[in-house]
Amino acid sequence: MEVGIPLTNELEVRISEAFCIFDHHGDKYIDTRNVGNVLRFLGCVPSEKEINEIIAATESVENPGETHLPKFMAHVSVLLMNRKMEPASPEKLLKAFETLDPENKRFLTKEYFGKLMEEEAEKFSKAELANMWPVAIDPITGNIPYLFYINQLKHKTTIYDVADVIREELAANEKEKKKERSPMPQMFGL
């Protein structure tokens, strides 16, 4: 993929691909209102606070209200390598759903789950719920069979798997550089 800036690893490639989906002018800038969309497209689960922090850290000084790809990529790469905004594990999601289902029906109603999503913790907007329903709701029963829904949410290779590989490579490279910089101990008497 040609993005006009050098990409040095798979993590940068994935971030730039997601970013460019929202780069409507092809100038390597996106509207800051799309930062959350890019992160979610990557498989991250950021809070509104995290999105606002990323916007504050990456917003262009020259073009307020826009984020430039190189600055975004550098900042988000570090966050991903530190496993920030990582989705909950399927096991943790199952425990949460089971807590909401004390009768062990193995499903939640759309009304009950929608009310929770709109009113509790990190509130969902009506538009976000509308985007979620086609994946979450069983079209026959109109309920949310949460085991099925959790399986729909799982990603095969996550951006965090890629970030782990890059973090390990960077650590190995840094270790090698330190090794090259340290002088060898002098051997006297030989």
N, C-alpha and C. Protein backbone atom coordinates (compact mmCIF):
# COMPACT_ATOMS: atom_id res chain seq x y z
N MET A 1 0.85 -1.19 0.00
CA MET A 1 0.00 0.00 0.00
C MET A 1 0.89 1.24 0.00
N GLU A 2 0.61 2.14 -0.88
CA GLU A 2 1.39 3.38 -1.00
C GLU A 2 0.70 4.48 -0.22
N VAL A 3 1.35 4.94 0.86
CA VAL A 3 0.75 6.00 1.67
C VAL A 3 1.61 7.24 1.69
N GLY A 4 2.75 7.23 0.99
CA GLY A 4 3.58 8.42 0.90
C GLY A 4 4.50 8.64 2.09
N ILE A 5 4.49 7.74 3.04
CA ILE A 5 5.42 7.79 4.16
C ILE A 5 5.99 6.39 4.34
N PRO A 6 7.22 6.29 4.84
CA PRO A 6 7.80 4.95 4.99
C PRO A 6 7.10 4.16 6.10
N LEU A 7 6.75 2.93 5.79
CA LEU A 7 6.15 2.03 6.77
C LEU A 7 7.19 0.95 7.06
N THR A 8 7.53 0.80 8.33
CA THR A 8 8.65 -0.09 8.67
C THR A 8 8.23 -1.44 9.22
N ASN A 9 6.93 -1.64 9.52
CA ASN A 9 6.52 -2.92 10.06
C ASN A 9 5.02 -3.14 9.85
N GLU A 10 4.57 -4.34 10.16
CA GLU A 10 3.17 -4.73 9.96
C GLU A 10 2.21 -3.87 10.78
N LEU A 11 2.62 -3.46 11.96
CA LEU A 11 1.76 -2.62 12.80
C LEU A 11 1.50 -1.28 12.12
N GLU A 12 2.53 -0.66 11.59
CA GLU A 12 2.37 0.61 10.88
C GLU A 12 1.51 0.44 9.64
N VAL A 13 1.66 -0.68 8.95
CA VAL A 13 0.84 -0.96 7.76
C VAL A 13 -0.63 -1.02 8.15
N ARG A 14 -0.93 -1.75 9.21
CA ARG A 14 -2.34 -1.89 9.62
C ARG A 14 -2.93 -0.56 10.09
N ILE A 15 -2.15 0.20 10.85
CA ILE A 15 -2.65 1.50 11.32
C ILE A 15 -2.90 2.41 10.12
N SER A 16 -1.96 2.45 9.17
CA SER A 16 -2.12 3.33 8.01
C SER A 16 -3.30 2.89 7.15
N GLU A 17 -3.52 1.59 7.01
CA GLU A 17 -4.67 1.11 6.22
C GLU A 17 -5.98 1.56 6.86
N ALA A 18 -6.09 1.41 8.18
CA ALA A 18 -7.31 1.83 8.87
C ALA A 18 -7.48 3.34 8.77
N PHE A 19 -6.41 4.08 8.95
CA PHE A 19 -6.44 5.54 8.89
C PHE A 19 -6.90 6.01 7.50
N CYS A 20 -6.34 5.39 6.47
CA CYS A 20 -6.63 5.83 5.10
C CYS A 20 -8.07 5.58 4.68
N ILE A 21 -8.76 4.67 5.34
CA ILE A 21 -10.19 4.46 5.06
C ILE A 21 -10.97 5.74 5.34
N PHE A 22 -10.52 6.50 6.35
CA PHE A 22 -11.22 7.72 6.76
C PHE A 22 -10.55 8.99 6.23
N ASP A 23 -9.51 8.81 5.41
CA ASP A 23 -8.80 9.94 4.78
C ASP A 23 -9.49 10.21 3.44
N HIS A 24 -10.54 11.00 3.47
CA HIS A 24 -11.39 11.21 2.30
C HIS A 24 -10.75 12.08 1.22
N HIS A 25 -9.69 12.80 1.55
CA HIS A 25 -9.03 13.67 0.57
C HIS A 25 -7.70 13.11 0.10
N GLY A 26 -7.25 12.01 0.68
CA GLY A 26 -5.99 11.39 0.28
C GLY A 26 -4.77 12.21 0.66
N ASP A 27 -4.91 13.08 1.67
CA ASP A 27 -3.79 13.94 2.05
C ASP A 27 -3.13 13.53 3.37
N LYS A 28 -3.47 12.33 3.86
CA LYS A 28 -2.91 11.77 5.10
C LYS A 28 -3.39 12.52 6.34
N TYR A 29 -4.55 13.17 6.22
CA TYR A 29 -5.20 13.83 7.34
C TYR A 29 -6.62 13.26 7.46
N ILE A 30 -7.08 13.12 8.70
CA ILE A 30 -8.49 12.78 8.93
C ILE A 30 -9.07 13.80 9.90
N ASP A 31 -10.37 13.95 9.82
CA ASP A 31 -11.09 14.77 10.80
C ASP A 31 -10.93 14.09 12.15
N THR A 32 -10.64 14.85 13.20
CA THR A 32 -10.44 14.25 14.52
C THR A 32 -11.68 13.49 14.99
N ARG A 33 -12.84 13.81 14.46
CA ARG A 33 -14.06 13.08 14.83
C ARG A 33 -14.01 11.63 14.37
N ASN A 34 -13.08 11.29 13.48
CA ASN A 34 -12.94 9.92 13.00
C ASN A 34 -11.88 9.11 13.74
N VAL A 35 -11.19 9.72 14.70
CA VAL A 35 -10.14 9.01 15.43
C VAL A 35 -10.72 7.76 16.10
N GLY A 36 -11.85 7.88 16.76
CA GLY A 36 -12.48 6.72 17.40
C GLY A 36 -12.85 5.64 16.39
N ASN A 37 -13.31 6.04 15.22
CA ASN A 37 -13.66 5.08 14.17
C ASN A 37 -12.43 4.30 13.71
N VAL A 38 -11.30 4.98 13.54
CA VAL A 38 -10.06 4.31 13.14
C VAL A 38 -9.66 3.30 14.20
N LEU A 39 -9.70 3.71 15.45
CA LEU A 39 -9.31 2.81 16.55
C LEU A 39 -10.22 1.59 16.61
N ARG A 40 -11.52 1.80 16.47
CA ARG A 40 -12.45 0.67 16.51
C ARG A 40 -12.26 -0.24 15.30
N PHE A 41 -11.96 0.34 14.14
CA PHE A 41 -11.70 -0.46 12.96
C PHE A 41 -10.48 -1.36 13.18
N LEU A 42 -9.51 -0.86 13.95
CA LEU A 42 -8.32 -1.66 14.27
C LEU A 42 -8.63 -2.78 15.27
N GLY A 43 -9.80 -2.73 15.90
CA GLY A 43 -10.15 -3.74 16.89
C GLY A 43 -9.95 -3.27 18.31
N CYS A 44 -9.68 -1.99 18.49
CA CYS A 44 -9.52 -1.42 19.83
C CYS A 44 -10.89 -1.11 20.42
N VAL A 45 -10.93 -0.99 21.73
CA VAL A 45 -12.16 -0.62 22.42
C VAL A 45 -11.84 0.58 23.31
N PRO A 46 -11.73 1.76 22.69
CA PRO A 46 -11.37 2.94 23.47
C PRO A 46 -12.57 3.56 24.17
N SER A 47 -12.32 4.15 25.33
CA SER A 47 -13.35 4.93 26.00
C SER A 47 -13.35 6.31 25.34
N GLU A 48 -14.37 7.09 25.60
CA GLU A 48 -14.41 8.46 25.07
C GLU A 48 -13.22 9.26 25.61
N LYS A 49 -12.87 9.03 26.87
CA LYS A 49 -11.73 9.72 27.47
C LYS A 49 -10.44 9.38 26.71
N GLU A 50 -10.23 8.10 26.40
CA GLU A 50 -9.03 7.69 25.66
C GLU A 50 -9.01 8.31 24.26
N ILE A 51 -10.16 8.34 23.61
CA ILE A 51 -10.24 8.96 22.28
C ILE A 51 -9.86 10.44 22.37
N ASN A 52 -10.40 11.14 23.35
CA ASN A 52 -10.09 12.56 23.53
C ASN A 52 -8.61 12.78 23.84
N GLU A 53 -8.00 11.89 24.61
CA GLU A 53 -6.57 11.99 24.91
C GLU A 53 -5.74 11.79 23.64
N ILE A 54 -6.14 10.85 22.81
CA ILE A 54 -5.43 10.60 21.55
C ILE A 54 -5.59 11.79 20.61
N ILE A 55 -6.78 12.33 20.55
CA ILE A 55 -7.01 13.53 19.72
C ILE A 55 -6.10 14.66 20.20
N ALA A 56 -6.07 14.88 21.52
CA ALA A 56 -5.24 15.96 22.07
C ALA A 56 -3.77 15.75 21.74
N ALA A 57 -3.33 14.50 21.75
CA ALA A 57 -1.91 14.20 21.49
C ALA A 57 -1.55 14.22 20.01
N THR A 58 -2.55 14.04 19.14
CA THR A 58 -2.22 13.89 17.71
C THR A 58 -2.83 14.96 16.81
N GLU A 59 -3.63 15.85 17.36
CA GLU A 59 -4.25 16.88 16.52
C GLU A 59 -3.19 17.78 15.91
N SER A 60 -3.35 18.09 14.66
CA SER A 60 -2.41 18.93 13.93
C SER A 60 -2.45 20.37 14.43
N VAL A 61 -1.28 20.94 14.63
CA VAL A 61 -1.19 22.35 15.03
C VAL A 61 -1.53 23.23 13.82
N GLU A 62 -1.05 22.81 12.64
CA GLU A 62 -1.28 23.58 11.41
C GLU A 62 -2.73 23.50 10.94
N ASN A 63 -3.38 22.37 11.19
CA ASN A 63 -4.75 22.14 10.74
C ASN A 63 -5.61 21.67 11.92
N PRO A 64 -6.02 22.58 12.79
CA PRO A 64 -6.85 22.18 13.94
C PRO A 64 -8.10 21.43 13.48
N GLY A 65 -8.46 20.40 14.25
CA GLY A 65 -9.61 19.58 13.89
C GLY A 65 -9.24 18.42 12.99
N GLU A 66 -7.94 18.30 12.69
CA GLU A 66 -7.47 17.20 11.85
C GLU A 66 -6.28 16.51 12.51
N THR A 67 -6.13 15.24 12.19
CA THR A 67 -5.02 14.44 12.69
C THR A 67 -4.22 13.95 11.49
N HIS A 68 -2.89 14.08 11.56
CA HIS A 68 -2.00 13.68 10.48
C HIS A 68 -1.50 12.26 10.73
N LEU A 69 -1.44 11.46 9.69
CA LEU A 69 -1.08 10.06 9.80
C LEU A 69 0.23 9.80 10.55
N PRO A 70 1.35 10.43 10.23
CA PRO A 70 2.60 10.09 10.93
C PRO A 70 2.52 10.29 12.44
N LYS A 71 1.91 11.38 12.87
CA LYS A 71 1.79 11.66 14.30
C LYS A 71 0.85 10.65 14.96
N PHE A 72 -0.25 10.34 14.29
CA PHE A 72 -1.21 9.37 14.80
C PHE A 72 -0.56 7.99 14.90
N MET A 73 0.13 7.58 13.84
CA MET A 73 0.75 6.26 13.81
C MET A 73 1.78 6.11 14.93
N ALA A 74 2.61 7.12 15.13
CA ALA A 74 3.63 7.05 16.16
C ALA A 74 2.99 6.92 17.54
N HIS A 75 1.98 7.71 17.79
CA HIS A 75 1.32 7.70 19.11
C HIS A 75 0.55 6.40 19.35
N VAL A 76 -0.24 5.99 18.39
CA VAL A 76 -1.09 4.81 18.56
C VAL A 76 -0.25 3.53 18.58
N SER A 77 0.85 3.49 17.85
CA SER A 77 1.73 2.31 17.89
C SER A 77 2.19 2.02 19.32
N VAL A 78 2.60 3.06 20.02
CA VAL A 78 3.05 2.90 21.41
C VAL A 78 1.91 2.40 22.29
N LEU A 79 0.73 2.98 22.12
CA LEU A 79 -0.42 2.54 22.91
C LEU A 79 -0.74 1.07 22.67
N LEU A 80 -0.70 0.66 21.41
CA LEU A 80 -1.01 -0.73 21.09
C LEU A 80 0.04 -1.68 21.64
N MET A 81 1.31 -1.29 21.56
CA MET A 81 2.37 -2.13 22.10
C MET A 81 2.27 -2.24 23.63
N ASN A 82 1.63 -1.27 24.26
CA ASN A 82 1.38 -1.31 25.71
C ASN A 82 0.00 -1.88 26.02
N ARG A 83 -0.66 -2.43 24.99
CA ARG A 83 -1.96 -3.10 25.11
C ARG A 83 -3.05 -2.21 25.70
N LYS A 84 -3.03 -0.93 25.34
CA LYS A 84 -4.09 0.00 25.75
C LYS A 84 -5.30 -0.21 24.85
N MET A 85 -6.46 0.02 25.37
CA MET A 85 -7.74 -0.06 24.65
C MET A 85 -8.06 -1.47 24.15
N GLU A 86 -7.48 -2.45 24.80
CA GLU A 86 -7.67 -3.84 24.39
C GLU A 86 -9.07 -4.33 24.74
N PRO A 87 -9.71 -5.07 23.85
CA PRO A 87 -11.04 -5.60 24.16
C PRO A 87 -10.96 -6.63 25.29
N ALA A 88 -12.07 -6.81 25.98
CA ALA A 88 -12.15 -7.83 27.02
C ALA A 88 -12.06 -9.22 26.40
N SER A 89 -11.55 -10.15 27.16
CA SER A 89 -11.45 -11.53 26.68
C SER A 89 -12.85 -12.13 26.60
N PRO A 90 -13.02 -13.18 25.78
CA PRO A 90 -14.33 -13.85 25.72
C PRO A 90 -14.78 -14.36 27.09
N GLU A 91 -13.84 -14.81 27.91
CA GLU A 91 -14.19 -15.30 29.24
C GLU A 91 -14.75 -14.18 30.12
N LYS A 92 -14.12 -13.03 30.04
CA LYS A 92 -14.58 -11.88 30.83
C LYS A 92 -15.95 -11.40 30.34
N LEU A 93 -16.14 -11.39 29.02
CA LEU A 93 -17.45 -11.01 28.47
C LEU A 93 -18.53 -11.98 28.91
N LEU A 94 -18.21 -13.28 28.90
CA LEU A 94 -19.19 -14.28 29.31
C LEU A 94 -19.60 -14.07 30.77
N LYS A 95 -18.62 -13.81 31.64
CA LYS A 95 -18.93 -13.57 33.05
C LYS A 95 -19.83 -12.33 33.20
N ALA A 96 -19.55 -11.30 32.43
CA ALA A 96 -20.37 -10.09 32.49
C ALA A 96 -21.80 -10.39 32.05
N PHE A 97 -21.96 -11.11 30.94
CA PHE A 97 -23.31 -11.46 30.48
C PHE A 97 -24.02 -12.35 31.48
N GLU A 98 -23.31 -13.30 32.06
CA GLU A 98 -23.93 -14.19 33.04
C GLU A 98 -24.39 -13.41 34.27
N THR A 99 -23.66 -12.37 34.64
CA THR A 99 -24.08 -11.51 35.74
C THR A 99 -25.39 -10.81 35.42
N LEU A 100 -25.56 -10.44 34.16
CA LEU A 100 -26.79 -9.77 33.73
C LEU A 100 -27.94 -10.75 33.51
N ASP A 101 -27.64 -12.04 33.57
CA ASP A 101 -28.63 -13.09 33.32
C ASP A 101 -28.71 -14.04 34.53
N PRO A 102 -29.21 -13.54 35.68
CA PRO A 102 -29.23 -14.38 36.89
C PRO A 102 -30.13 -15.61 36.76
N GLU A 103 -31.08 -15.59 35.84
CA GLU A 103 -31.97 -16.74 35.63
C GLU A 103 -31.36 -17.77 34.68
N ASN A 104 -30.16 -17.49 34.17
CA ASN A 104 -29.42 -18.40 33.28
C ASN A 104 -30.24 -18.79 32.04
N LYS A 105 -30.89 -17.80 31.43
CA LYS A 105 -31.67 -18.04 30.22
C LYS A 105 -30.77 -18.16 28.99
N ARG A 106 -29.52 -17.69 29.11
CA ARG A 106 -28.52 -17.72 28.03
C ARG A 106 -28.82 -16.69 26.94
N PHE A 107 -29.68 -15.72 27.26
CA PHE A 107 -29.94 -14.61 26.34
C PHE A 107 -30.40 -13.41 27.16
N LEU A 108 -30.29 -12.24 26.55
CA LEU A 108 -30.84 -11.01 27.11
C LEU A 108 -31.81 -10.44 26.10
N THR A 109 -32.81 -9.74 26.60
CA THR A 109 -33.73 -9.11 25.66
C THR A 109 -33.09 -7.85 25.10
N LYS A 110 -33.51 -7.49 23.92
CA LYS A 110 -33.00 -6.28 23.28
C LYS A 110 -33.30 -5.06 24.14
N GLU A 111 -34.49 -5.00 24.71
CA GLU A 111 -34.89 -3.85 25.51
C GLU A 111 -34.01 -3.71 26.75
N TYR A 112 -33.80 -4.81 27.47
CA TYR A 112 -33.01 -4.79 28.70
C TYR A 112 -31.55 -4.42 28.39
N PHE A 113 -30.97 -5.09 27.41
CA PHE A 113 -29.58 -4.83 27.06
C PHE A 113 -29.41 -3.41 26.51
N GLY A 114 -30.34 -2.98 25.67
CA GLY A 114 -30.29 -1.63 25.12
C GLY A 114 -30.35 -0.57 26.20
N LYS A 115 -31.22 -0.78 27.19
CA LYS A 115 -31.34 0.17 28.30
C LYS A 115 -30.02 0.24 29.07
N LEU A 116 -29.40 -0.90 29.34
CA LEU A 116 -28.12 -0.92 30.03
C LEU A 116 -27.04 -0.19 29.22
N MET A 117 -27.01 -0.44 27.94
CA MET A 117 -25.98 0.15 27.08
C MET A 117 -26.15 1.67 26.94
N GLU A 118 -27.39 2.14 27.01
CA GLU A 118 -27.65 3.58 26.90
C GLU A 118 -27.48 4.33 28.22
N GLU A 119 -27.62 3.63 29.33
CA GLU A 119 -27.67 4.33 30.61
C GLU A 119 -26.51 4.06 31.55
N GLU A 120 -25.75 3.01 31.35
CA GLU A 120 -24.70 2.63 32.30
C GLU A 120 -23.30 2.85 31.73
N ALA A 121 -22.36 3.18 32.62
CA ALA A 121 -20.92 3.30 32.32
C ALA A 121 -20.66 4.09 31.03
N GLU A 122 -19.95 3.50 30.10
CA GLU A 122 -19.61 4.14 28.82
C GLU A 122 -20.83 4.01 27.93
N LYS A 123 -21.68 5.02 27.97
CA LYS A 123 -22.99 4.97 27.31
C LYS A 123 -22.88 4.90 25.79
N PHE A 124 -23.72 4.08 25.19
CA PHE A 124 -23.82 3.98 23.74
C PHE A 124 -24.86 4.96 23.24
N SER A 125 -24.61 5.53 22.07
CA SER A 125 -25.62 6.38 21.44
C SER A 125 -26.62 5.47 20.71
N LYS A 126 -27.71 6.05 20.29
CA LYS A 126 -28.72 5.28 19.53
C LYS A 126 -28.10 4.76 18.22
N ALA A 127 -27.23 5.57 17.60
CA ALA A 127 -26.58 5.14 16.36
C ALA A 127 -25.64 3.96 16.61
N GLU A 128 -24.91 4.00 17.71
CA GLU A 128 -24.01 2.88 18.04
C GLU A 128 -24.81 1.61 18.30
N LEU A 129 -25.93 1.74 18.99
CA LEU A 129 -26.79 0.57 19.22
C LEU A 129 -27.34 0.04 17.90
N ALA A 130 -27.75 0.93 17.03
CA ALA A 130 -28.28 0.51 15.73
C ALA A 130 -27.23 -0.26 14.94
N ASN A 131 -25.97 0.13 15.07
CA ASN A 131 -24.89 -0.60 14.39
C ASN A 131 -24.62 -1.95 15.05
N MET A 132 -24.86 -2.06 16.34
CA MET A 132 -24.59 -3.29 17.08
C MET A 132 -25.68 -4.34 16.88
N TRP A 133 -26.93 -3.91 16.79
CA TRP A 133 -28.05 -4.86 16.77
C TRP A 133 -27.95 -5.93 15.69
N PRO A 134 -27.58 -5.63 14.46
CA PRO A 134 -27.55 -6.70 13.45
C PRO A 134 -26.61 -7.85 13.80
N VAL A 135 -25.56 -7.57 14.54
CA VAL A 135 -24.62 -8.62 14.93
C VAL A 135 -25.10 -9.32 16.20
N ALA A 136 -25.71 -8.58 17.11
CA ALA A 136 -26.04 -9.11 18.43
C ALA A 136 -27.38 -9.86 18.48
N ILE A 137 -28.35 -9.42 17.72
CA ILE A 137 -29.72 -9.94 17.87
C ILE A 137 -29.99 -11.13 16.95
N ASP A 138 -30.60 -12.14 17.53
CA ASP A 138 -31.08 -13.29 16.77
C ASP A 138 -32.33 -12.82 16.02
N PRO A 139 -32.31 -12.85 14.68
CA PRO A 139 -33.46 -12.33 13.93
C PRO A 139 -34.76 -13.11 14.16
N ILE A 140 -34.67 -14.34 14.63
CA ILE A 140 -35.87 -15.14 14.84
C ILE A 140 -36.53 -14.81 16.17
N THR A 141 -35.72 -14.75 17.23
CA THR A 141 -36.29 -14.52 18.57
C THR A 141 -36.32 -13.04 18.95
N GLY A 142 -35.46 -12.22 18.32
CA GLY A 142 -35.37 -10.81 18.69
C GLY A 142 -34.57 -10.59 19.97
N ASN A 143 -33.98 -11.65 20.51
CA ASN A 143 -33.17 -11.56 21.73
C ASN A 143 -31.68 -11.61 21.38
N ILE A 144 -30.85 -11.44 22.41
CA ILE A 144 -29.40 -11.49 22.23
C ILE A 144 -28.88 -12.76 22.89
N PRO A 145 -28.65 -13.81 22.08
CA PRO A 145 -28.05 -15.03 22.63
C PRO A 145 -26.55 -14.74 22.82
N TYR A 146 -26.16 -14.46 24.05
CA TYR A 146 -24.84 -13.86 24.26
C TYR A 146 -23.67 -14.77 23.95
N LEU A 147 -23.81 -16.07 24.01
CA LEU A 147 -22.69 -16.93 23.60
C LEU A 147 -22.40 -16.74 22.11
N PHE A 148 -23.46 -16.69 21.32
CA PHE A 148 -23.30 -16.46 19.89
C PHE A 148 -22.70 -15.06 19.64
N TYR A 149 -23.21 -14.06 20.37
CA TYR A 149 -22.73 -12.68 20.20
C TYR A 149 -21.24 -12.58 20.55
N ILE A 150 -20.82 -13.20 21.62
CA ILE A 150 -19.40 -13.18 22.01
C ILE A 150 -18.55 -13.78 20.91
N ASN A 151 -19.01 -14.88 20.31
CA ASN A 151 -18.26 -15.49 19.21
C ASN A 151 -18.17 -14.57 18.01
N GLN A 152 -19.20 -13.77 17.79
CA GLN A 152 -19.18 -12.81 16.68
C GLN A 152 -18.15 -11.70 16.92
N LEU A 153 -17.88 -11.39 18.18
CA LEU A 153 -16.97 -10.30 18.52
C LEU A 153 -15.50 -10.70 18.44
N LYS A 154 -15.23 -12.00 18.47
CA LYS A 154 -13.83 -12.45 18.49
C LYS A 154 -13.15 -12.15 17.16
N HIS A 155 -11.89 -11.73 17.24
CA HIS A 155 -11.08 -11.50 16.05
C HIS A 155 -10.02 -12.59 15.99
N LYS A 156 -9.68 -13.02 14.80
CA LYS A 156 -8.65 -14.07 14.67
C LYS A 156 -7.28 -13.53 15.07
N THR A 157 -6.66 -12.72 14.25
CA THR A 157 -5.39 -12.11 14.61
C THR A 157 -5.68 -10.67 14.96
N THR A 158 -5.44 -10.32 16.18
CA THR A 158 -5.75 -8.96 16.58
C THR A 158 -4.57 -8.03 16.35
N ILE A 159 -4.86 -6.77 16.35
CA ILE A 159 -3.82 -5.75 16.22
C ILE A 159 -2.85 -5.86 17.39
N TYR A 160 -3.33 -6.38 18.52
CA TYR A 160 -2.47 -6.53 19.69
C TYR A 160 -1.47 -7.66 19.51
N ASP A 161 -1.84 -8.70 18.76
CA ASP A 161 -0.87 -9.76 18.44
C ASP A 161 0.25 -9.18 17.58
N VAL A 162 -0.11 -8.37 16.62
CA VAL A 162 0.89 -7.72 15.76
C VAL A 162 1.76 -6.79 16.59
N ALA A 163 1.13 -6.01 17.48
CA ALA A 163 1.88 -5.07 18.33
C ALA A 163 2.85 -5.80 19.25
N ASP A 164 2.45 -6.97 19.76
CA ASP A 164 3.35 -7.75 20.61
C ASP A 164 4.61 -8.17 19.85
N VAL A 165 4.43 -8.60 18.62
CA VAL A 165 5.59 -9.01 17.80
C VAL A 165 6.52 -7.82 17.57
N ILE A 166 5.96 -6.68 17.24
CA ILE A 166 6.77 -5.48 16.99
C ILE A 166 7.48 -5.05 18.27
N ARG A 167 6.78 -5.07 19.40
CA ARG A 167 7.39 -4.69 20.68
C ARG A 167 8.57 -5.61 20.99
N GLU A 168 8.40 -6.92 20.77
CA GLU A 168 9.49 -7.87 21.01
C GLU A 168 10.66 -7.62 20.06
N GLU A 169 10.38 -7.32 18.81
CA GLU A 169 11.45 -7.02 17.85
C GLU A 169 12.21 -5.76 18.25
N LEU A 170 11.47 -4.72 18.66
CA LEU A 170 12.11 -3.48 19.09
C LEU A 170 12.97 -3.71 20.33
N ALA A 171 12.49 -4.51 21.27
CA ALA A 171 13.25 -4.81 22.48
C ALA A 171 14.52 -5.59 22.14
N ALA A 172 14.41 -6.54 21.23
CA ALA A 172 15.58 -7.32 20.81
C ALA A 172 16.59 -6.42 20.10
N ASN A 173 16.10 -5.53 19.25
CA ASN A 173 17.01 -4.60 18.55
C ASN A 173 17.71 -3.69 19.54
N GLU A 174 16.98 -3.19 20.53
CA GLU A 174 17.57 -2.31 21.55
C GLU A 174 18.61 -3.06 22.36
N LYS A 175 18.34 -4.29 22.70
CA LYS A 175 19.29 -5.12 23.46
C LYS A 175 20.57 -5.33 22.64
N GLU A 176 20.39 -5.57 21.36
CA GLU A 176 21.54 -5.77 20.48
C GLU A 176 22.38 -4.49 20.36
N LYS A 177 21.70 -3.34 20.27
CA LYS A 177 22.41 -2.06 20.19
C LYS A 177 23.21 -1.80 21.46
N LYS A 178 22.62 -2.10 22.62
CA LYS A 178 23.33 -1.92 23.89
C LYS A 178 24.54 -2.83 23.95
N LYS A 179 24.38 -4.03 23.46
CA LYS A 179 25.47 -5.01 23.44
C LYS A 179 26.63 -4.48 22.57
N GLU A 180 26.29 -3.90 21.42
CA GLU A 180 27.30 -3.37 20.51
C GLU A 180 28.00 -2.15 21.11
N ARG A 181 27.29 -1.34 21.90
CA ARG A 181 27.87 -0.14 22.49
C ARG A 181 28.75 -0.44 23.69
N SER A 182 28.50 -1.55 24.42
CA SER A 182 29.32 -1.84 25.60
C SER A 182 30.67 -2.40 25.15
N PRO A 183 31.74 -1.80 25.68
CA PRO A 183 33.06 -2.29 25.31
C PRO A 183 33.30 -3.67 25.92
N MET A 184 34.05 -4.45 25.19
CA MET A 184 34.42 -5.78 25.67
C MET A 184 35.43 -5.61 26.79
N PRO A 185 35.34 -6.40 27.85
CA PRO A 185 36.33 -6.29 28.92
C PRO A 185 37.71 -6.67 28.40
N GLN A 186 38.69 -5.91 28.84
CA GLN A 186 40.09 -6.16 28.41
C GLN A 186 40.59 -7.41 29.10
N MET A 187 41.24 -8.23 28.38
CA MET A 187 41.83 -9.45 28.92
C MET A 187 43.33 -9.18 29.09
N PHE A 188 43.81 -9.09 30.30
CA PHE A 188 45.23 -8.84 30.56
C PHE A 188 45.91 -10.15 30.87
N GLY A 189 47.16 -10.21 30.53
CA GLY A 189 47.96 -11.36 30.85
C GLY A 189 47.91 -12.45 29.81
N LEU A 190 47.26 -12.21 28.70
CA LEU A 190 47.23 -13.22 27.64
C LEU A 190 48.16 -12.86 26.53
